[in-house]
């Protein structure tokens, strides 16, 4: 057996067939609930894998997953992997032009989509001629296979071709600028970088057979709840980590704070993953309001990836659940897991990360190591992706070789201290140059969120005739709180930030625009602030 994700999953199924693998709750709405054991999920994935092969899709070809969270998403992803077909995530917020770009850039030949997206799929389809097989979850139109029919026609048995650790897994990532890019992973590399094989919290896996042996010996017995959309790589990989170690995974169709808390209490959830303040704040509001008294005593871990849980919001959550660990994890679609923030990480000392042994801070020009205190870019070596699909230019800009080993250069700027602790400053692409000084939005956002009347905030640079750019704060105020003035915000920030980092412009917005997973929309923030400054 190799480090192939389908092989590893099947090895776990063989020793934990009757163990509950997946609990799905459809909220809000009908309250539909589905529970699948490992054996049932395995058979369901086999059915879809066989259907795709019998429909003429060949191993190595690409199938898009244009779906909300649900059993069908993970069932299809596993079915693709079993059949050696490459699953590709599709952002369900994309409109026609964006879908056309992704369908074509990813060379999709098949698509599994929710009926809610039928109109958008139909509009994009004529411009994606390679897309030849459609499967719809829900009512299916002419020329489209209903998911239920595909499932019924496919065999529940395995019987797939031999697989390899070289089989690919592609994660499309929108990033903060430009069109989405498909990150190409070998499955073996992905297992060790983003799926627990490198053991960020335990012993590394030394043999493929080890996963099943660990599960057979008792496993972890943990119930894990990835709350962001599965269309973002982090959430899907989180679910796969659960499956790799025989855990139980809980899913909701959409993130509704009150329903999340009800499920935590009912299913005795132990570990929750989310994305930053945008998801943690609503949980706090619900626990302090309509869901006050909900039993969350089973929760021992809340982890964030993709956005930082601010010091202020973490403090509010700790007051409600003092026994739960709050973990600011650092990673990306291009690197997997890099490390976790230290306990003393915060506005005063910065976003401090204890990184794994494969993560370094390097000079962005020479790729050599930097001296303590110097600013460089975060990079990772060893198990890294092959590059960006269909994009040799960006691949050459992001991936490099040093001493015969492959590296990936991330977009995050950072320094490193004498003890090897990395202080992440922020994305280089979002860095604001104001009067020759560099300001990273995340640091200013942390200071803004510590203001008692600020619910959420984004920071962007706006063209300025004097400074080149000035720091602009786009702020969402807490419900019922007065709108703070620019002077009040500046006074508050002055005790936490150097003078050149203090916002020179304040825009009050009804809501802060973020992706469904909570990631910041900095392009929107710049446009809003620039429009106000005219």
Protein backbone atom coordinates (compact mmCIF):
# COMPACT_ATOMS: atom_id res chain seq x y z
CA UNK A 1 0.00 0.00 0.00
CA UNK A 2 1.16 3.52 -0.79
CA UNK A 3 0.29 6.89 0.74
CA UNK A 4 -2.78 7.20 -1.44
CA UNK A 5 -5.79 8.89 0.17
CA UNK A 6 -8.32 6.31 -1.08
CA UNK A 7 -6.11 3.41 0.00
CA UNK A 8 -5.65 4.97 3.43
CA UNK A 9 -9.40 5.57 3.82
CA UNK A 10 -10.22 2.00 2.84
CA UNK A 11 -7.66 0.64 5.30
CA UNK A 12 -9.44 2.54 8.10
CA UNK A 13 -12.84 1.31 6.91
CA UNK A 14 -11.62 -2.28 7.14
CA UNK A 15 -10.92 -1.97 10.86
CA UNK A 16 -13.74 0.45 11.80
CA UNK A 17 -16.60 -0.58 9.51
CA UNK A 18 -19.36 -0.16 12.11
CA UNK A 19 -17.98 3.03 13.63
CA UNK A 20 -19.97 6.19 12.86
CA UNK A 21 -18.02 8.23 10.31
CA UNK A 22 -20.27 11.09 9.25
CA UNK A 23 -23.22 12.97 10.76
CA UNK A 24 -24.90 15.48 8.47
CA UNK A 25 -27.56 17.96 9.61
CA UNK A 26 -29.39 20.17 7.10
CA UNK A 27 -29.98 23.52 8.86
CA UNK A 28 -31.84 25.77 8.58
CA UNK A 29 -34.92 24.26 6.98
CA UNK A 30 -36.08 20.69 7.22
CA UNK A 31 -33.66 19.51 9.86
CA UNK A 32 -32.83 16.48 7.71
CA UNK A 33 -30.26 14.28 9.42
CA UNK A 34 -28.11 11.51 7.94
CA UNK A 35 -25.71 9.18 9.73
CA UNK A 36 -23.24 6.95 7.94
CA UNK A 37 -20.86 4.37 9.33
CA UNK A 38 -17.45 3.94 7.77
CA UNK A 39 -18.74 0.95 5.81
CA UNK A 40 -21.76 2.89 4.54
CA UNK A 41 -19.68 5.90 3.51
CA UNK A 42 -17.24 3.56 1.75
CA UNK A 43 -20.02 1.88 -0.21
CA UNK A 44 -21.61 5.23 -1.08
CA UNK A 45 -18.26 6.54 -2.40
CA UNK A 46 -17.76 3.32 -4.39
CA UNK A 47 -21.11 3.86 -6.12
CA UNK A 48 -20.19 7.36 -7.31
CA UNK A 49 -16.67 6.33 -8.31
CA UNK A 50 -17.99 3.49 -10.47
CA UNK A 51 -20.66 5.72 -12.00
CA UNK A 52 -18.08 8.30 -13.08
CA UNK A 53 -15.88 5.62 -14.67
CA UNK A 54 -18.85 3.99 -16.41
CA UNK A 55 -19.86 7.43 -17.74
CA UNK A 56 -16.59 7.61 -19.64
CA UNK A 57 -14.50 9.71 -17.28
CA UNK A 58 -10.99 8.34 -17.24
CA UNK A 59 -8.45 8.13 -14.40
CA UNK A 60 -6.48 11.38 -14.26
CA UNK A 61 -9.33 13.51 -15.64
CA UNK A 62 -10.90 16.27 -13.55
CA UNK A 63 -14.37 16.46 -11.99
CA UNK A 64 -15.66 19.63 -10.32
CA UNK A 65 -17.54 19.67 -7.00
CA UNK A 66 -19.95 22.62 -7.17
CA UNK A 67 -21.78 21.84 -3.94
CA UNK A 68 -22.82 23.10 -0.54
CA UNK A 69 -21.70 21.05 2.46
CA UNK A 70 -23.30 17.66 2.55
CA UNK A 71 -22.81 13.91 2.38
CA UNK A 72 -22.67 14.20 -1.41
CA UNK A 73 -19.59 16.43 -1.28
CA UNK A 74 -17.41 14.03 0.70
CA UNK A 75 -18.96 10.99 -0.99
CA UNK A 76 -18.04 12.41 -4.42
CA UNK A 77 -14.55 13.48 -3.35
CA UNK A 78 -13.84 9.98 -2.01
CA UNK A 79 -15.43 8.37 -5.06
CA UNK A 80 -13.16 10.39 -7.35
CA UNK A 81 -10.09 9.40 -5.37
CA UNK A 82 -11.09 5.75 -5.45
CA UNK A 83 -11.45 5.88 -9.25
CA UNK A 84 -8.18 7.85 -9.65
CA UNK A 85 -10.21 10.81 -10.93
CA UNK A 86 -9.03 14.22 -9.70
CA UNK A 87 -11.63 16.11 -7.61
CA UNK A 88 -11.64 19.91 -8.04
CA UNK A 89 -13.39 22.27 -5.63
CA UNK A 90 -15.65 24.94 -7.15
CA UNK A 91 -16.52 28.11 -5.22
CA UNK A 92 -20.34 28.17 -5.11
CA UNK A 93 -20.36 31.98 -4.95
CA UNK A 94 -18.87 32.29 -8.41
CA UNK A 95 -21.00 33.88 -11.13
CA UNK A 96 -21.04 32.90 -14.79
CA UNK A 97 -17.76 34.47 -15.95
CA UNK A 98 -15.84 33.12 -12.95
CA UNK A 99 -17.32 29.66 -13.44
CA UNK A 100 -16.37 29.67 -17.12
CA UNK A 101 -12.80 30.57 -16.16
CA UNK A 102 -12.54 27.81 -13.55
CA UNK A 103 -14.27 25.12 -15.62
CA UNK A 104 -11.89 25.82 -18.51
CA UNK A 105 -8.73 26.46 -16.51
CA UNK A 106 -9.23 23.23 -14.54
CA UNK A 107 -10.06 21.22 -17.71
CA UNK A 108 -13.19 19.84 -16.07
CA UNK A 109 -14.81 16.96 -17.94
CA UNK A 110 -17.40 16.26 -15.26
CA UNK A 111 -19.34 18.31 -12.72
CA UNK A 112 -21.39 17.36 -9.67
CA UNK A 113 -23.54 20.29 -8.57
CA UNK A 114 -26.44 21.24 -6.33
CA UNK A 115 -29.76 21.99 -8.04
CA UNK A 116 -29.64 25.54 -6.62
CA UNK A 117 -26.82 26.28 -9.07
CA UNK A 118 -28.55 24.89 -12.18
CA UNK A 119 -29.10 28.30 -13.79
CA UNK A 120 -25.47 29.39 -13.34
CA UNK A 121 -24.13 26.05 -14.55
CA UNK A 122 -26.37 26.17 -17.64
CA UNK A 123 -25.17 29.70 -18.45
CA UNK A 124 -21.49 28.74 -18.20
CA UNK A 125 -21.76 25.36 -19.95
CA UNK A 126 -21.72 26.55 -23.61
CA UNK A 127 -18.34 28.18 -23.02
CA UNK A 128 -16.84 25.04 -21.44
CA UNK A 129 -17.04 22.48 -24.27
CA UNK A 130 -14.83 19.91 -22.51
CA UNK A 131 -17.45 19.49 -19.76
CA UNK A 132 -19.29 16.40 -20.97
CA UNK A 133 -20.91 14.77 -17.91
CA UNK A 134 -23.19 16.51 -15.39
CA UNK A 135 -24.62 15.09 -12.18
CA UNK A 136 -27.16 17.13 -10.19
CA UNK A 137 -28.01 16.73 -6.51
CA UNK A 138 -31.75 17.37 -6.61
CA UNK A 139 -34.10 17.73 -9.59
CA UNK A 140 -32.09 17.17 -12.78
CA UNK A 141 -32.88 18.69 -16.16
CA UNK A 142 -32.50 17.26 -19.64
CA UNK A 143 -29.08 15.80 -20.36
CA UNK A 144 -28.17 15.79 -16.65
CA UNK A 145 -27.93 12.68 -14.44
CA UNK A 146 -29.69 12.85 -11.10
CA UNK A 147 -27.30 12.09 -8.24
CA UNK A 148 -29.74 9.56 -6.83
CA UNK A 149 -29.76 7.70 -10.17
CA UNK A 150 -25.95 7.79 -10.39
CA UNK A 151 -25.73 6.40 -6.87
CA UNK A 152 -28.26 3.64 -7.58
CA UNK A 153 -26.49 2.56 -10.78
CA UNK A 154 -22.97 2.38 -9.36
CA UNK A 155 -21.66 -0.75 -7.66
CA UNK A 156 -21.19 -0.54 -3.87
CA UNK A 157 -18.12 -2.79 -4.14
CA UNK A 158 -14.54 -1.57 -4.57
CA UNK A 159 -12.84 -3.17 -7.56
CA UNK A 160 -10.95 -0.08 -8.73
CA UNK A 161 -7.58 0.05 -10.55
CA UNK A 162 -4.42 0.08 -8.44
CA UNK A 163 -3.60 3.52 -7.10
CA UNK A 164 -0.44 5.45 -6.36
CA UNK A 165 0.91 8.08 -3.98
CA UNK A 166 1.57 10.08 -7.17
CA UNK A 167 -2.18 10.40 -7.87
CA UNK A 168 -3.17 14.04 -7.74
CA UNK A 169 -5.48 16.18 -5.63
CA UNK A 170 -6.13 19.75 -6.85
CA UNK A 171 -7.23 22.59 -4.58
CA UNK A 172 -8.38 25.78 -6.27
CA UNK A 173 -7.59 28.81 -4.17
CA UNK A 174 -8.89 32.32 -4.86
CA UNK A 175 -6.27 34.04 -2.74
CA UNK A 176 -6.63 37.82 -2.32
CA UNK A 177 -5.84 38.98 -5.86
CA UNK A 178 -6.37 37.74 -9.40
CA UNK A 179 -8.17 34.68 -10.71
CA UNK A 180 -8.25 31.36 -8.84
CA UNK A 181 -5.25 29.04 -9.11
CA UNK A 182 -5.27 25.25 -8.92
CA UNK A 183 -2.69 23.91 -6.47
CA UNK A 184 -1.52 20.47 -7.67
CA UNK A 185 -0.63 18.06 -4.89
CA UNK A 186 0.71 14.53 -5.04
CA UNK A 187 -1.47 12.68 -2.55
CA UNK A 188 1.54 11.45 -0.59
CA UNK A 189 2.83 15.01 -0.18
CA UNK A 190 -0.62 16.26 0.82
CA UNK A 191 -0.95 13.50 3.42
CA UNK A 192 2.27 14.56 5.13
CA UNK A 193 1.73 18.33 4.80
CA UNK A 194 -1.98 18.81 5.40
CA UNK A 195 -3.65 15.56 6.45
CA UNK A 196 -1.97 14.58 9.69
CA UNK A 197 0.76 12.34 8.32
CA UNK A 198 3.42 14.74 9.54
CA UNK A 199 1.74 14.59 12.95
CA UNK A 200 1.57 18.24 14.11
CA UNK A 201 0.32 16.98 17.47
CA UNK A 202 1.66 13.43 17.66
CA UNK A 203 3.98 10.81 16.19
CA UNK A 204 4.58 11.01 12.41
CA UNK A 205 3.17 8.16 10.36
CA UNK A 206 6.04 5.91 9.25
CA UNK A 207 4.10 3.31 7.20
CA UNK A 208 0.78 3.54 5.32
CA UNK A 209 -0.54 0.58 7.31
CA UNK A 210 -0.01 2.50 10.53
CA UNK A 211 -3.23 4.50 10.22
CA UNK A 212 -5.43 1.41 10.37
CA UNK A 213 -3.32 -0.07 13.16
CA UNK A 214 -3.83 3.05 15.27
CA UNK A 215 -7.58 3.04 14.64
CA UNK A 216 -7.83 -0.68 15.42
CA UNK A 217 -5.98 -0.11 18.67
CA UNK A 218 -8.70 2.26 19.82
CA UNK A 219 -8.41 5.39 17.70
CA UNK A 220 -8.99 8.84 19.06
CA UNK A 221 -12.74 8.72 19.72
CA UNK A 222 -13.01 12.40 18.79
CA UNK A 223 -16.01 14.10 17.19
CA UNK A 224 -14.80 16.81 14.83
CA UNK A 225 -16.94 19.62 13.41
CA UNK A 226 -15.52 21.53 10.42
CA UNK A 227 -17.93 24.48 10.16
CA UNK A 228 -16.65 26.35 7.05
CA UNK A 229 -17.71 25.38 3.51
CA UNK A 230 -16.07 22.23 2.16
CA UNK A 231 -15.44 24.11 -1.10
CA UNK A 232 -12.48 25.71 0.69
CA UNK A 233 -9.55 23.33 0.93
CA UNK A 234 -9.04 23.68 4.67
CA UNK A 235 -12.47 22.34 5.56
CA UNK A 236 -12.29 19.32 3.24
CA UNK A 237 -8.80 18.47 4.50
CA UNK A 238 -10.05 18.77 8.08
CA UNK A 239 -12.77 16.20 7.36
CA UNK A 240 -10.19 13.90 5.75
CA UNK A 241 -7.96 14.18 8.82
CA UNK A 242 -10.92 12.95 10.84
CA UNK A 243 -11.42 9.98 8.52
CA UNK A 244 -7.70 9.16 8.49
CA UNK A 245 -7.74 8.66 12.23
CA UNK A 246 -11.13 7.00 12.60
CA UNK A 247 -12.87 10.02 14.04
CA UNK A 248 -16.48 11.05 13.68
CA UNK A 249 -17.08 14.07 11.43
CA UNK A 250 -20.12 16.34 11.82
CA UNK A 251 -21.33 18.62 9.02
CA UNK A 252 -23.90 21.37 8.53
CA UNK A 253 -25.08 22.52 5.13
CA UNK A 254 -24.44 26.16 6.08
CA UNK A 255 -23.00 28.02 9.04
CA UNK A 256 -25.86 29.11 11.32
CA UNK A 257 -24.46 29.92 14.80
CA UNK A 258 -27.49 28.83 16.81
CA UNK A 259 -27.73 25.53 14.95
CA UNK A 260 -23.98 24.94 15.31
CA UNK A 261 -24.31 25.28 19.07
CA UNK A 262 -27.32 22.94 19.18
CA UNK A 263 -25.35 20.32 17.28
CA UNK A 264 -22.32 20.75 19.54
CA UNK A 265 -24.53 19.98 22.54
CA UNK A 266 -26.41 17.11 20.90
CA UNK A 267 -23.42 15.35 19.30
CA UNK A 268 -20.95 16.12 22.13
CA UNK A 269 -18.53 17.71 19.66
CA UNK A 270 -14.91 17.80 20.84
CA UNK A 271 -13.06 19.83 18.19
CA UNK A 272 -14.33 22.67 16.03
CA UNK A 273 -12.62 24.28 13.06
CA UNK A 274 -13.63 27.71 11.79
CA UNK A 275 -12.16 30.79 10.12
CA UNK A 276 -11.26 33.70 12.38
CA UNK A 277 -13.44 36.25 14.12
CA UNK A 278 -16.01 36.22 11.32
CA UNK A 279 -17.18 32.81 12.54
CA UNK A 280 -16.18 32.93 16.20
CA UNK A 281 -17.91 36.25 16.99
CA UNK A 282 -21.39 35.02 15.94
CA UNK A 283 -20.93 31.94 18.14
CA UNK A 284 -20.06 34.22 21.07
CA UNK A 285 -23.11 36.42 20.37
CA UNK A 286 -25.35 33.35 20.33
CA UNK A 287 -23.84 31.96 23.55
CA UNK A 288 -24.33 35.31 25.25
CA UNK A 289 -27.83 35.73 23.82
CA UNK A 290 -30.44 33.26 22.57
CA UNK A 291 -28.29 30.16 23.19
CA UNK A 292 -27.10 31.13 26.65
CA UNK A 293 -26.60 28.05 28.80
CA UNK A 294 -26.00 25.66 25.88
CA UNK A 295 -23.90 22.73 27.05
CA UNK A 296 -20.56 23.06 25.22
CA UNK A 297 -18.56 21.27 27.90
CA UNK A 298 -17.49 18.55 25.43
CA UNK A 299 -15.47 21.07 23.37
CA UNK A 300 -11.75 21.00 24.09
CA UNK A 301 -10.40 22.59 20.90
CA UNK A 302 -11.39 25.45 18.59
CA UNK A 303 -8.98 25.98 15.71
CA UNK A 304 -8.85 28.66 13.05
CA UNK A 305 -7.03 28.58 9.72
CA UNK A 306 -7.18 31.17 6.96
CA UNK A 307 -7.84 34.11 9.28
CA UNK A 308 -6.70 35.08 12.76
CA UNK A 309 -8.89 34.91 15.84
CA UNK A 310 -8.10 38.28 17.41
CA UNK A 311 -6.89 38.56 20.98
CA UNK A 312 -10.05 40.45 22.00
CA UNK A 313 -12.46 37.86 20.58
CA UNK A 314 -10.43 34.98 22.00
CA UNK A 315 -10.72 36.59 25.44
CA UNK A 316 -14.49 36.84 25.10
CA UNK A 317 -14.74 33.19 24.10
CA UNK A 318 -12.49 32.04 26.94
CA UNK A 319 -14.82 33.73 29.42
CA UNK A 320 -17.62 31.50 28.12
CA UNK A 321 -15.67 28.25 27.59
CA UNK A 322 -12.59 28.49 29.81
CA UNK A 323 -11.55 24.86 29.26
CA UNK A 324 -11.42 25.00 25.46
CA UNK A 325 -8.07 25.52 23.72
CA UNK A 326 -8.07 28.24 21.07
CA UNK A 327 -5.59 27.50 18.28
CA UNK A 328 -4.62 30.03 15.61
CA UNK A 329 -3.18 27.68 12.99
CA UNK A 330 -1.03 28.93 10.15
CA UNK A 331 -1.08 27.32 6.73
CA UNK A 332 -2.27 27.61 3.15
CA UNK A 333 -3.46 25.63 0.14
CA UNK A 334 0.14 25.73 -1.11
CA UNK A 335 1.76 24.48 2.10
CA UNK A 336 -0.71 22.61 4.26
CA UNK A 337 -0.02 23.05 7.98
CA UNK A 338 2.94 25.24 8.99
CA UNK A 339 2.48 25.87 12.69
CA UNK A 340 0.37 27.28 15.52
CA UNK A 341 0.44 30.67 17.23
CA UNK A 342 2.13 30.86 20.61
CA UNK A 343 0.14 31.75 23.71
CA UNK A 344 1.87 35.15 23.96
CA UNK A 345 0.85 35.98 20.38
CA UNK A 346 -1.20 39.17 20.25
CA UNK A 347 -1.31 42.89 19.43
CA UNK A 348 1.74 43.73 21.51
CA UNK A 349 4.12 41.00 20.29
CA UNK A 350 2.61 40.16 16.91
CA UNK A 351 1.31 36.92 15.38
CA UNK A 352 4.02 34.59 16.71
CA UNK A 353 4.18 31.06 15.27
CA UNK A 354 5.95 27.94 16.41
CA UNK A 355 6.55 26.46 12.98
CA UNK A 356 7.32 22.89 11.98
CA UNK A 357 10.82 21.87 10.93
CA UNK A 358 10.06 22.27 7.22
CA UNK A 359 8.98 25.92 7.45
CA UNK A 360 11.54 28.73 7.18
CA UNK A 361 11.70 32.47 6.54
CA UNK A 362 13.85 33.22 3.49
CA UNK A 363 15.12 36.15 1.47
CA UNK A 364 12.55 36.57 -1.35
CA UNK A 365 15.30 37.24 -3.93
CA UNK A 366 18.15 34.88 -3.02
CA UNK A 367 15.95 32.29 -1.22
CA UNK A 368 18.66 32.08 1.42
CA UNK A 369 17.99 32.24 5.19
CA UNK A 370 17.50 35.66 6.78
CA UNK A 371 19.10 36.98 9.95
CA UNK A 372 16.96 37.39 13.09
CA UNK A 373 14.92 40.60 12.86
CA UNK A 374 15.11 40.90 9.07
CA UNK A 375 11.92 40.71 6.98
CA UNK A 376 11.57 37.80 4.58
CA UNK A 377 8.92 35.48 3.15
CA UNK A 378 7.61 32.29 4.67
CA UNK A 379 8.67 29.21 2.70
CA UNK A 380 8.34 25.46 3.11
CA UNK A 381 10.37 22.57 1.76
CA UNK A 382 9.97 18.82 1.52
CA UNK A 383 6.39 17.73 0.90
CA UNK A 384 5.18 20.64 -1.25
CA UNK A 385 2.85 20.84 -4.29
CA UNK A 386 3.93 20.19 -7.87
CA UNK A 387 2.86 23.71 -8.84
CA UNK A 388 -0.18 25.53 -10.19
CA UNK A 389 -2.28 23.72 -12.76
CA UNK A 390 -2.09 25.28 -16.23
CA UNK A 391 0.08 28.15 -14.97
CA UNK A 392 3.83 27.71 -15.54
CA UNK A 393 4.50 31.43 -14.98
CA UNK A 394 3.04 31.53 -11.46
CA UNK A 395 4.57 28.14 -10.73
CA UNK A 396 8.02 29.52 -11.56
CA UNK A 397 7.36 32.56 -9.33
CA UNK A 398 6.22 30.51 -6.34
CA UNK A 399 8.20 27.25 -6.40
CA UNK A 400 11.98 26.90 -6.41
CA UNK A 401 14.72 24.38 -5.73
CA UNK A 402 17.55 24.77 -3.22
CA UNK A 403 20.16 22.13 -2.40
CA UNK A 404 18.29 19.61 -4.52
CA UNK A 405 15.04 20.03 -2.60
CA UNK A 406 11.78 21.58 -3.74
CA UNK A 407 10.43 24.66 -1.92
CA UNK A 408 7.26 26.74 -2.05
CA UNK A 409 7.45 30.48 -1.41
CA UNK A 410 4.31 31.73 0.35
CA UNK A 411 2.87 35.23 0.16
CA UNK A 412 3.28 35.95 3.88
CA UNK A 413 6.01 38.31 5.07
CA UNK A 414 7.63 37.49 8.41
CA UNK A 415 10.60 37.86 10.71
CA UNK A 416 12.25 35.22 12.88
CA UNK A 417 13.79 35.66 16.33
CA UNK A 418 16.83 34.02 17.95
CA UNK A 419 14.64 31.20 19.33
CA UNK A 420 13.24 30.32 15.91
CA UNK A 421 9.79 31.81 16.58
CA UNK A 422 8.34 33.29 13.39
CA UNK A 423 6.40 36.57 13.59
CA UNK A 424 4.02 36.74 10.62
CA UNK A 425 3.50 40.32 9.47
CA UNK A 426 0.89 39.70 6.80
CA UNK A 427 0.40 39.13 3.11
CA UNK A 428 2.94 41.00 1.03
CA UNK A 429 0.27 41.69 -1.59
CA UNK A 430 -1.80 43.60 1.00
CA UNK A 431 1.08 45.54 2.52
CA UNK A 432 0.41 49.31 2.56
CA UNK A 433 3.33 51.62 1.74
CA UNK A 434 2.58 54.92 3.44
CA UNK A 435 5.28 57.57 3.40
CA UNK A 436 7.90 54.87 2.86
CA UNK A 437 6.76 52.85 5.90
CA UNK A 438 5.20 49.40 5.50
CA UNK A 439 1.94 48.62 7.25
CA UNK A 440 0.39 45.14 7.34
CA UNK A 441 -3.44 45.25 7.59
CA UNK A 442 -3.76 42.34 10.05
CA UNK A 443 -1.87 44.19 12.77
CA UNK A 444 -4.10 47.27 12.48
CA UNK A 445 -7.23 45.10 12.34
CA UNK A 446 -6.27 43.47 15.65
CA UNK A 447 -6.02 46.90 17.26
CA UNK A 448 -9.36 48.02 15.80
CA UNK A 449 -11.16 44.91 17.03
CA UNK A 450 -10.06 45.60 20.58
CA UNK A 451 -12.28 48.71 20.56
CA UNK A 452 -15.49 47.89 22.48
CA UNK A 453 -17.79 49.24 19.75
CA UNK A 454 -16.07 47.55 16.78
CA UNK A 455 -17.57 44.23 15.69
CA UNK A 456 -15.40 43.59 12.62
CA UNK A 457 -12.86 45.49 10.55
CA UNK A 458 -10.71 45.40 7.42
CA UNK A 459 -7.82 47.70 6.61
CA UNK A 460 -6.67 48.78 3.15
CA UNK A 461 -4.38 51.29 1.50
CA UNK A 462 -5.95 54.23 -0.38
CA UNK A 463 -3.98 56.46 -2.82
CA UNK A 464 -2.86 59.69 -1.14
CA UNK A 465 -1.11 62.68 -2.78
CA UNK A 466 1.01 63.27 0.32
CA UNK A 467 1.81 59.78 1.60
CA UNK A 468 1.50 57.70 -1.55
CA UNK A 469 -1.13 55.65 0.31
CA UNK A 470 -2.88 56.19 3.61
CA UNK A 471 -4.24 53.58 6.01
CA UNK A 472 -8.03 53.30 5.80
CA UNK A 473 -10.20 51.36 8.24
CA UNK A 474 -13.53 49.89 7.13
CA UNK A 475 -15.44 49.10 10.31
CA UNK A 476 -18.64 47.28 11.22
CA UNK A 477 -20.04 48.57 14.50
CA UNK A 478 -21.64 46.34 17.11
CA UNK A 479 -25.45 46.30 17.03
CA UNK A 480 -26.77 49.13 19.17
CA UNK A 481 -23.35 50.72 19.71
CA UNK A 482 -22.68 54.35 18.76
CA UNK A 483 -20.61 55.03 15.65
CA UNK A 484 -17.09 55.93 16.79
CA UNK A 485 -15.43 58.95 15.22
CA UNK A 486 -12.12 58.83 13.39
CA UNK A 487 -10.53 60.73 16.28
CA UNK A 488 -11.84 58.18 18.79
CA UNK A 489 -10.49 55.29 16.70
CA UNK A 490 -7.12 57.01 16.35
CA UNK A 491 -6.89 57.64 20.11
CA UNK A 492 -7.71 53.98 20.79
CA UNK A 493 -5.12 52.71 18.29
CA UNK A 494 -2.39 55.08 19.44
CA UNK A 495 -1.77 53.00 22.57
CA UNK A 496 -1.29 49.86 20.47
CA UNK A 497 0.33 50.96 17.20
CA UNK A 498 3.14 53.16 15.94
CA UNK A 499 1.95 56.50 14.61
CA UNK A 500 2.37 55.67 10.91
CA UNK A 501 0.10 52.60 11.29
CA UNK A 502 -2.86 54.54 12.70
CA UNK A 503 -5.83 54.86 10.30
CA UNK A 504 -6.19 58.26 8.63
CA UNK A 505 -9.62 57.40 7.26
CA UNK A 506 -12.64 55.66 8.80
CA UNK A 507 -15.52 54.14 6.85
CA UNK A 508 -18.51 52.71 8.71
CA UNK A 509 -20.06 49.79 6.79
CA UNK A 510 -23.26 47.89 7.53
CA UNK A 511 -21.35 44.61 7.24
CA UNK A 512 -17.80 43.56 6.41
CA UNK A 513 -17.65 41.54 3.23
CA UNK A 514 -15.96 38.17 3.61
CA UNK A 515 -16.05 34.85 1.79
CA UNK A 516 -18.41 32.14 3.13
CA UNK A 517 -15.43 30.75 5.06
CA UNK A 518 -14.66 34.09 6.72
CA UNK A 519 -11.67 35.16 4.62
CA UNK A 520 -11.23 38.89 4.11
CA UNK A 521 -12.27 40.59 0.86
CA UNK A 522 -9.54 43.23 0.70
CA UNK A 523 -10.42 44.25 -2.84
CA UNK A 524 -13.88 45.25 -1.63
CA UNK A 525 -12.40 47.14 1.35
CA UNK A 526 -10.09 49.13 -0.93
CA UNK A 527 -12.94 50.01 -3.29
CA UNK A 528 -15.20 51.14 -0.45
CA UNK A 529 -12.49 53.24 1.20
CA UNK A 530 -11.33 54.76 -2.10
CA UNK A 531 -14.91 55.74 -3.01
CA UNK A 532 -15.34 57.49 0.35
CA UNK A 533 -12.07 59.39 0.00
CA UNK A 534 -12.94 60.98 -3.36
